[in-house]
Amino acid sequence: WSTGSTNTRIANLLPEIRENVSFIDTTGSLRNDLSFNPLLGLNTLSKKTRGKCYHLGAPYIFPSLKEKNKFFNIKFVKDILKKEEECEYIILGIGSMKGGTSLYNRVKNHPYLIDKTFFNQIKKDGAISESSGNFFDKHGKHFVYDEIVSKDFSLIKKKKTIAIAGGIQKALAIKSTLLNGCLYGLITDEEAAKIILS
């Protein structure tokens, strides 16, 4: 499960499912304030499915690779990542590098969470979409950055990965992720679908 405003809204809309299902979030958070709680979606799902939720609690970007490596060597972190390997589905959001998404808005309004120079370099490298720390150019080429806490891309390709994203402003970003071929499924809206198909 990938935390984000879209996925949280989905969690709120879902009916109760009386099954014991666990949800694991292994991506870094773009937020360190209470304007949006990344656990809200997970907690809602947990209550609606009688399941448990696990949250990595990592920042989106670490100050250094040394700190990042130290964090990922902590036992409880390793345990959570092991649970992710055992999951059946991965649910992701897709963000646009051009605006109207959590990543773009965080850079604009809270530059201390992600360096603007670094963000501009990512765009200069050709990225037009981002999904759980994984980036894609307009042809669907995938790339990652060591500093960013990203979901394991080999796992994304291996599992039944479903993306949830919509809106005109995200259409090209969704298309670039689709072109990579890493998704098992996509949930989107009519406006985005028309642009993608055209």
C-alpha atoms as a PDB file:
ATOM      1  CA  TRP A   1       0.000   0.000   0.000  1.00  0.00           C
ATOM      2  CA  SER A   2       1.271   3.430  -0.903  1.00  0.00           C
ATOM      3  CA  THR A   3       0.175   6.293   1.328  1.00  0.00           C
ATOM      4  CA  GLY A   4      -1.165   9.406  -0.335  1.00  0.00           C
ATOM      5  CA  SER A   5      -4.242  11.605  -0.486  1.00  0.00           C
ATOM      6  CA  THR A   6      -5.839   9.578  -3.314  1.00  0.00           C
ATOM      7  CA  ASN A   7      -5.382   6.228  -1.627  1.00  0.00           C
ATOM      8  CA  THR A   8      -6.670   7.658   1.657  1.00  0.00           C
ATOM      9  CA  ARG A   9      -9.857   8.800  -0.080  1.00  0.00           C
ATOM     10  CA  ILE A  10     -10.219   5.319  -1.597  1.00  0.00           C
ATOM     11  CA  ALA A  11      -9.872   3.786   1.865  1.00  0.00           C
ATOM     12  CA  ASN A  12     -12.672   6.019   3.154  1.00  0.00           C
ATOM     13  CA  LEU A  13     -14.978   5.008   0.287  1.00  0.00           C
ATOM     14  CA  LEU A  14     -14.504   1.257   0.620  1.00  0.00           C
ATOM     15  CA  PRO A  15     -17.233  -0.770   2.344  1.00  0.00           C
ATOM     16  CA  GLU A  16     -16.376  -3.046   5.249  1.00  0.00           C
ATOM     17  CA  ILE A  17     -14.730  -6.287   4.143  1.00  0.00           C
ATOM     18  CA  ARG A  18     -14.897  -8.929   6.831  1.00  0.00           C
ATOM     19  CA  GLU A  19     -11.583 -10.573   5.998  1.00  0.00           C
ATOM     20  CA  ASN A  20      -8.300 -10.679   7.835  1.00  0.00           C
ATOM     21  CA  VAL A  21      -6.116  -8.666   5.448  1.00  0.00           C
ATOM     22  CA  SER A  22      -2.872  -6.874   6.332  1.00  0.00           C
ATOM     23  CA  PHE A  23      -1.623  -3.636   4.749  1.00  0.00           C
ATOM     24  CA  ILE A  24       2.050  -2.694   4.605  1.00  0.00           C
ATOM     25  CA  ASP A  25       3.375   0.769   3.690  1.00  0.00           C
ATOM     26  CA  THR A  26       7.063   0.729   2.784  1.00  0.00           C
ATOM     27  CA  THR A  27       7.522   4.092   1.111  1.00  0.00           C
ATOM     28  CA  GLY A  28       9.033   7.241   2.534  1.00  0.00           C
ATOM     29  CA  SER A  29       6.653   9.971   3.641  1.00  0.00           C
ATOM     30  CA  LEU A  30       6.632  13.415   2.020  1.00  0.00           C
ATOM     31  CA  ARG A  31       5.067  14.894   5.132  1.00  0.00           C
ATOM     32  CA  ASN A  32       6.274  15.606   8.633  1.00  0.00           C
ATOM     33  CA  ASP A  33       3.366  17.750   9.781  1.00  0.00           C
ATOM     34  CA  LEU A  34      -0.286  17.134  10.637  1.00  0.00           C
ATOM     35  CA  SER A  35      -1.716  18.666   7.452  1.00  0.00           C
ATOM     36  CA  PHE A  36      -2.062  15.079   6.321  1.00  0.00           C
ATOM     37  CA  ASN A  37      -1.481  11.954   8.360  1.00  0.00           C
ATOM     38  CA  PRO A  38      -0.033   9.162   6.173  1.00  0.00           C
ATOM     39  CA  LEU A  39      -1.455   6.592   8.589  1.00  0.00           C
ATOM     40  CA  LEU A  40      -5.079   7.670   8.106  1.00  0.00           C
ATOM     41  CA  GLY A  41      -5.598   5.500   5.018  1.00  0.00           C
ATOM     42  CA  LEU A  42      -3.863   2.509   6.553  1.00  0.00           C
ATOM     43  CA  ASN A  43      -5.796   2.744   9.806  1.00  0.00           C
ATOM     44  CA  THR A  44      -9.084   3.059   7.926  1.00  0.00           C
ATOM     45  CA  LEU A  45      -8.317  -0.038   5.860  1.00  0.00           C
ATOM     46  CA  SER A  46      -7.271  -1.929   8.953  1.00  0.00           C
ATOM     47  CA  LYS A  47     -10.596  -1.190  10.654  1.00  0.00           C
ATOM     48  CA  LYS A  48     -12.655  -2.031   7.579  1.00  0.00           C
ATOM     49  CA  THR A  49     -10.992  -5.381   6.931  1.00  0.00           C
ATOM     50  CA  ARG A  50     -10.183  -6.676  10.434  1.00  0.00           C
ATOM     51  CA  GLY A  51      -6.569  -6.559   9.328  1.00  0.00           C
ATOM     52  CA  LYS A  52      -3.339  -5.062  10.602  1.00  0.00           C
ATOM     53  CA  CYS A  53      -1.372  -2.171   9.155  1.00  0.00           C
ATOM     54  CA  TYR A  54       2.402  -1.747   9.147  1.00  0.00           C
ATOM     55  CA  HIS A  55       4.140   1.551   8.448  1.00  0.00           C
ATOM     56  CA  LEU A  56       7.834   1.981   7.694  1.00  0.00           C
ATOM     57  CA  GLY A  57       7.962   5.491   9.131  1.00  0.00           C
ATOM     58  CA  ALA A  58      10.817   6.616   6.881  1.00  0.00           C
ATOM     59  CA  PRO A  59      11.357  10.082   5.379  1.00  0.00           C
ATOM     60  CA  TYR A  60      11.109  10.471   1.618  1.00  0.00           C
ATOM     61  CA  ILE A  61      14.768  11.446   1.381  1.00  0.00           C
ATOM     62  CA  PHE A  62      17.586  10.700   3.822  1.00  0.00           C
ATOM     63  CA  PRO A  63      20.298  13.335   4.444  1.00  0.00           C
ATOM     64  CA  SER A  64      22.972  10.764   3.549  1.00  0.00           C
ATOM     65  CA  LEU A  65      23.302   7.216   2.233  1.00  0.00           C
ATOM     66  CA  LYS A  66      24.997   6.285   5.510  1.00  0.00           C
ATOM     67  CA  GLU A  67      21.874   7.237   7.470  1.00  0.00           C
ATOM     68  CA  LYS A  68      19.628   5.485   4.953  1.00  0.00           C
ATOM     69  CA  ASN A  69      21.635   2.244   5.155  1.00  0.00           C
ATOM     70  CA  LYS A  70      21.651   2.416   8.947  1.00  0.00           C
ATOM     71  CA  PHE A  71      17.849   2.789   9.001  1.00  0.00           C
ATOM     72  CA  PHE A  72      17.270  -0.159   6.674  1.00  0.00           C
ATOM     73  CA  ASN A  73      19.453  -2.383   8.827  1.00  0.00           C
ATOM     74  CA  ILE A  74      17.168  -1.953  11.848  1.00  0.00           C
ATOM     75  CA  LYS A  75      15.420  -5.221  12.678  1.00  0.00           C
ATOM     76  CA  PHE A  76      11.814  -3.949  12.695  1.00  0.00           C
ATOM     77  CA  VAL A  77      12.420  -2.323   9.292  1.00  0.00           C
ATOM     78  CA  LYS A  78      13.722  -5.602   7.893  1.00  0.00           C
ATOM     79  CA  ASP A  79      10.667  -7.373   9.342  1.00  0.00           C
ATOM     80  CA  ILE A  80       8.290  -4.965   7.591  1.00  0.00           C
ATOM     81  CA  LEU A  81      10.109  -5.346   4.260  1.00  0.00           C
ATOM     82  CA  LYS A  82       9.876  -9.127   4.639  1.00  0.00           C
ATOM     83  CA  LYS A  83       6.110  -8.818   5.077  1.00  0.00           C
ATOM     84  CA  GLU A  84       5.973  -6.803   1.865  1.00  0.00           C
ATOM     85  CA  GLU A  85       7.703  -9.622  -0.019  1.00  0.00           C
ATOM     86  CA  GLU A  86       4.900 -11.950   1.084  1.00  0.00           C
ATOM     87  CA  CYS A  87       2.076  -9.708  -0.114  1.00  0.00           C
ATOM     88  CA  GLU A  88      -0.193 -10.607  -3.033  1.00  0.00           C
ATOM     89  CA  TYR A  89      -1.009  -7.104  -4.284  1.00  0.00           C
ATOM     90  CA  ILE A  90       0.777  -3.744  -4.360  1.00  0.00           C
ATOM     91  CA  ILE A  91      -1.386  -0.616  -4.592  1.00  0.00           C
ATOM     92  CA  LEU A  92       0.327   2.579  -5.735  1.00  0.00           C
ATOM     93  CA  GLY A  93      -0.468   6.173  -6.517  1.00  0.00           C
ATOM     94  CA  ILE A  94       1.064   8.022  -9.472  1.00  0.00           C
ATOM     95  CA  GLY A  95       2.294  11.590  -9.219  1.00  0.00           C
ATOM     96  CA  SER A  96       3.068  14.130 -11.912  1.00  0.00           C
ATOM     97  CA  MET A  97       6.308  16.110 -11.887  1.00  0.00           C
ATOM     98  CA  LYS A  98       4.441  19.094 -13.350  1.00  0.00           C
ATOM     99  CA  GLY A  99       2.156  19.937 -10.442  1.00  0.00           C
ATOM    100  CA  GLY A 100      -1.077  19.131  -8.672  1.00  0.00           C
ATOM    101  CA  THR A 101       0.397  16.243  -6.705  1.00  0.00           C
ATOM    102  CA  SER A 102       1.848  15.648  -3.252  1.00  0.00           C
ATOM    103  CA  LEU A 103       5.446  15.534  -4.500  1.00  0.00           C
ATOM    104  CA  TYR A 104       5.229  18.785  -6.458  1.00  0.00           C
ATOM    105  CA  ASN A 105       3.309  20.630  -3.739  1.00  0.00           C
ATOM    106  CA  ARG A 106       5.730  19.519  -1.032  1.00  0.00           C
ATOM    107  CA  VAL A 107       8.686  20.897  -2.993  1.00  0.00           C
ATOM    108  CA  LYS A 108       6.843  24.156  -3.597  1.00  0.00           C
ATOM    109  CA  ASN A 109       5.468  24.698  -0.086  1.00  0.00           C
ATOM    110  CA  HIS A 110       7.881  22.765   2.140  1.00  0.00           C
ATOM    111  CA  PRO A 111      11.353  22.867   0.529  1.00  0.00           C
ATOM    112  CA  TYR A 112      12.965  21.413   3.673  1.00  0.00           C
ATOM    113  CA  LEU A 113      11.321  18.045   2.927  1.00  0.00           C
ATOM    114  CA  ILE A 114      12.899  17.673  -0.512  1.00  0.00           C
ATOM    115  CA  ASP A 115      15.616  19.887  -1.943  1.00  0.00           C
ATOM    116  CA  LYS A 116      14.376  21.978  -4.873  1.00  0.00           C
ATOM    117  CA  THR A 117      17.693  21.644  -6.713  1.00  0.00           C
ATOM    118  CA  PHE A 118      17.469  17.854  -6.421  1.00  0.00           C
ATOM    119  CA  PHE A 119      13.850  17.914  -7.576  1.00  0.00           C
ATOM    120  CA  ASN A 120      14.794  20.022 -10.625  1.00  0.00           C
ATOM    121  CA  GLN A 121      17.600  17.568 -11.433  1.00  0.00           C
ATOM    122  CA  ILE A 122      15.078  14.727 -11.456  1.00  0.00           C
ATOM    123  CA  LYS A 123      12.965  16.663 -13.968  1.00  0.00           C
ATOM    124  CA  LYS A 124      16.082  17.508 -15.997  1.00  0.00           C
ATOM    125  CA  ASP A 125      16.822  13.768 -16.172  1.00  0.00           C
ATOM    126  CA  GLY A 126      13.501  13.392 -17.981  1.00  0.00           C
ATOM    127  CA  ALA A 127      11.141  12.213 -15.267  1.00  0.00           C
ATOM    128  CA  ILE A 128       7.492  13.133 -15.795  1.00  0.00           C
ATOM    129  CA  SER A 129       5.958  10.731 -13.289  1.00  0.00           C
ATOM    130  CA  GLU A 130       6.713   9.344  -9.838  1.00  0.00           C
ATOM    131  CA  SER A 131       5.273   6.343  -8.040  1.00  0.00           C
ATOM    132  CA  SER A 132       6.481   5.369  -4.568  1.00  0.00           C
ATOM    133  CA  GLY A 133       9.926   6.840  -5.200  1.00  0.00           C
ATOM    134  CA  ASN A 134      10.252   5.306  -8.674  1.00  0.00           C
ATOM    135  CA  PHE A 135      10.483   7.687 -11.638  1.00  0.00           C
ATOM    136  CA  PHE A 136       9.537   7.293 -15.312  1.00  0.00           C
ATOM    137  CA  ASP A 137      10.206   9.346 -18.423  1.00  0.00           C
ATOM    138  CA  LYS A 138       7.727   9.880 -21.273  1.00  0.00           C
ATOM    139  CA  HIS A 139       8.782   6.602 -22.898  1.00  0.00           C
ATOM    140  CA  GLY A 140       8.299   4.594 -19.704  1.00  0.00           C
ATOM    141  CA  LYS A 141      12.000   4.304 -18.886  1.00  0.00           C
ATOM    142  CA  HIS A 142      12.426   3.666 -15.162  1.00  0.00           C
ATOM    143  CA  PHE A 143      15.046   5.175 -12.859  1.00  0.00           C
ATOM    144  CA  VAL A 144      15.622   5.632  -9.133  1.00  0.00           C
ATOM    145  CA  TYR A 145      17.840   7.726  -6.883  1.00  0.00           C
ATOM    146  CA  ASP A 146      19.844   6.312  -3.989  1.00  0.00           C
ATOM    147  CA  GLU A 147      18.832   9.152  -1.658  1.00  0.00           C
ATOM    148  CA  ILE A 148      15.090   8.468  -2.040  1.00  0.00           C
ATOM    149  CA  VAL A 149      13.195   5.769  -0.166  1.00  0.00           C
ATOM    150  CA  SER A 150      11.554   3.932  -3.051  1.00  0.00           C
ATOM    151  CA  LYS A 151       9.484   0.796  -3.244  1.00  0.00           C
ATOM    152  CA  ASP A 152      11.502  -2.152  -4.590  1.00  0.00           C
ATOM    153  CA  PHE A 153      10.920  -1.999  -8.361  1.00  0.00           C
ATOM    154  CA  SER A 154      11.617  -5.707  -8.877  1.00  0.00           C
ATOM    155  CA  LEU A 155       8.803  -6.381  -6.409  1.00  0.00           C
ATOM    156  CA  ILE A 156       6.483  -3.985  -8.258  1.00  0.00           C
ATOM    157  CA  LYS A 157       7.046  -5.983 -11.449  1.00  0.00           C
ATOM    158  CA  LYS A 158       6.770  -9.345  -9.700  1.00  0.00           C
ATOM    159  CA  LYS A 159       3.546  -8.737  -7.766  1.00  0.00           C
ATOM    160  CA  LYS A 160       0.039  -7.823  -8.929  1.00  0.00           C
ATOM    161  CA  THR A 161       0.593  -4.064  -8.822  1.00  0.00           C
ATOM    162  CA  ILE A 162      -2.413  -1.805  -9.253  1.00  0.00           C
ATOM    163  CA  ALA A 163      -2.103   1.968  -9.611  1.00  0.00           C
ATOM    164  CA  ILE A 164      -4.840   4.382  -8.538  1.00  0.00           C
ATOM    165  CA  ALA A 165      -4.601   7.802 -10.191  1.00  0.00           C
ATOM    166  CA  GLY A 166      -6.794  10.150 -12.173  1.00  0.00           C
ATOM    167  CA  GLY A 167      -7.364  13.671 -13.398  1.00  0.00           C
ATOM    168  CA  ILE A 168      -6.309  15.574 -16.513  1.00  0.00           C
ATOM    169  CA  GLN A 169      -3.162  16.898 -14.814  1.00  0.00           C
ATOM    170  CA  LYS A 170      -1.935  13.351 -14.201  1.00  0.00           C
ATOM    171  CA  ALA A 171      -2.831  11.782 -17.564  1.00  0.00           C
ATOM    172  CA  LEU A 172       0.642  11.928 -19.121  1.00  0.00           C
ATOM    173  CA  ALA A 173       2.243  10.766 -15.892  1.00  0.00           C
ATOM    174  CA  ILE A 174      -0.096   7.767 -15.790  1.00  0.00           C
ATOM    175  CA  LYS A 175       0.679   7.002 -19.435  1.00  0.00           C
ATOM    176  CA  SER A 176       4.441   7.043 -18.846  1.00  0.00           C
ATOM    177  CA  THR A 177       4.065   4.540 -15.999  1.00  0.00           C
ATOM    178  CA  LEU A 178       1.828   2.331 -18.130  1.00  0.00           C
ATOM    179  CA  LEU A 179       4.386   2.360 -20.956  1.00  0.00           C
ATOM    180  CA  ASN A 180       6.914   0.786 -18.608  1.00  0.00           C
ATOM    181  CA  GLY A 181       4.753  -2.323 -18.372  1.00  0.00           C
ATOM    182  CA  CYS A 182       5.244  -2.707 -14.627  1.00  0.00           C
ATOM    183  CA  LEU A 183       1.548  -2.475 -13.733  1.00  0.00           C
ATOM    184  CA  TYR A 184      -0.926  -5.324 -13.406  1.00  0.00           C
ATOM    185  CA  GLY A 185      -3.875  -2.946 -13.397  1.00  0.00           C
ATOM    186  CA  LEU A 186      -4.969   0.690 -13.304  1.00  0.00           C
ATOM    187  CA  ILE A 187      -7.929   2.427 -11.662  1.00  0.00           C
ATOM    188  CA  THR A 188      -8.497   5.858 -13.202  1.00  0.00           C
ATOM    189  CA  ASP A 189     -11.249   8.234 -14.309  1.00  0.00           C
ATOM    190  CA  GLU A 190     -12.793   8.958 -17.698  1.00  0.00           C
ATOM    191  CA  GLU A 191     -11.010  12.298 -18.184  1.00  0.00           C
ATOM    192  CA  ALA A 192      -7.553  10.772 -17.752  1.00  0.00           C
ATOM    193  CA  ALA A 193      -8.446   7.663 -19.752  1.00  0.00           C
ATOM    194  CA  LYS A 194      -9.476   9.695 -22.806  1.00  0.00           C
ATOM    195  CA  ILE A 195      -6.152  11.560 -22.855  1.00  0.00           C
ATOM    196  CA  ILE A 196      -4.147   8.373 -22.313  1.00  0.00           C
ATOM    197  CA  LEU A 197      -5.932   6.560 -25.140  1.00  0.00           C
ATOM    198  CA  SER A 198      -5.666   9.506 -27.532  1.00  0.00           C
END
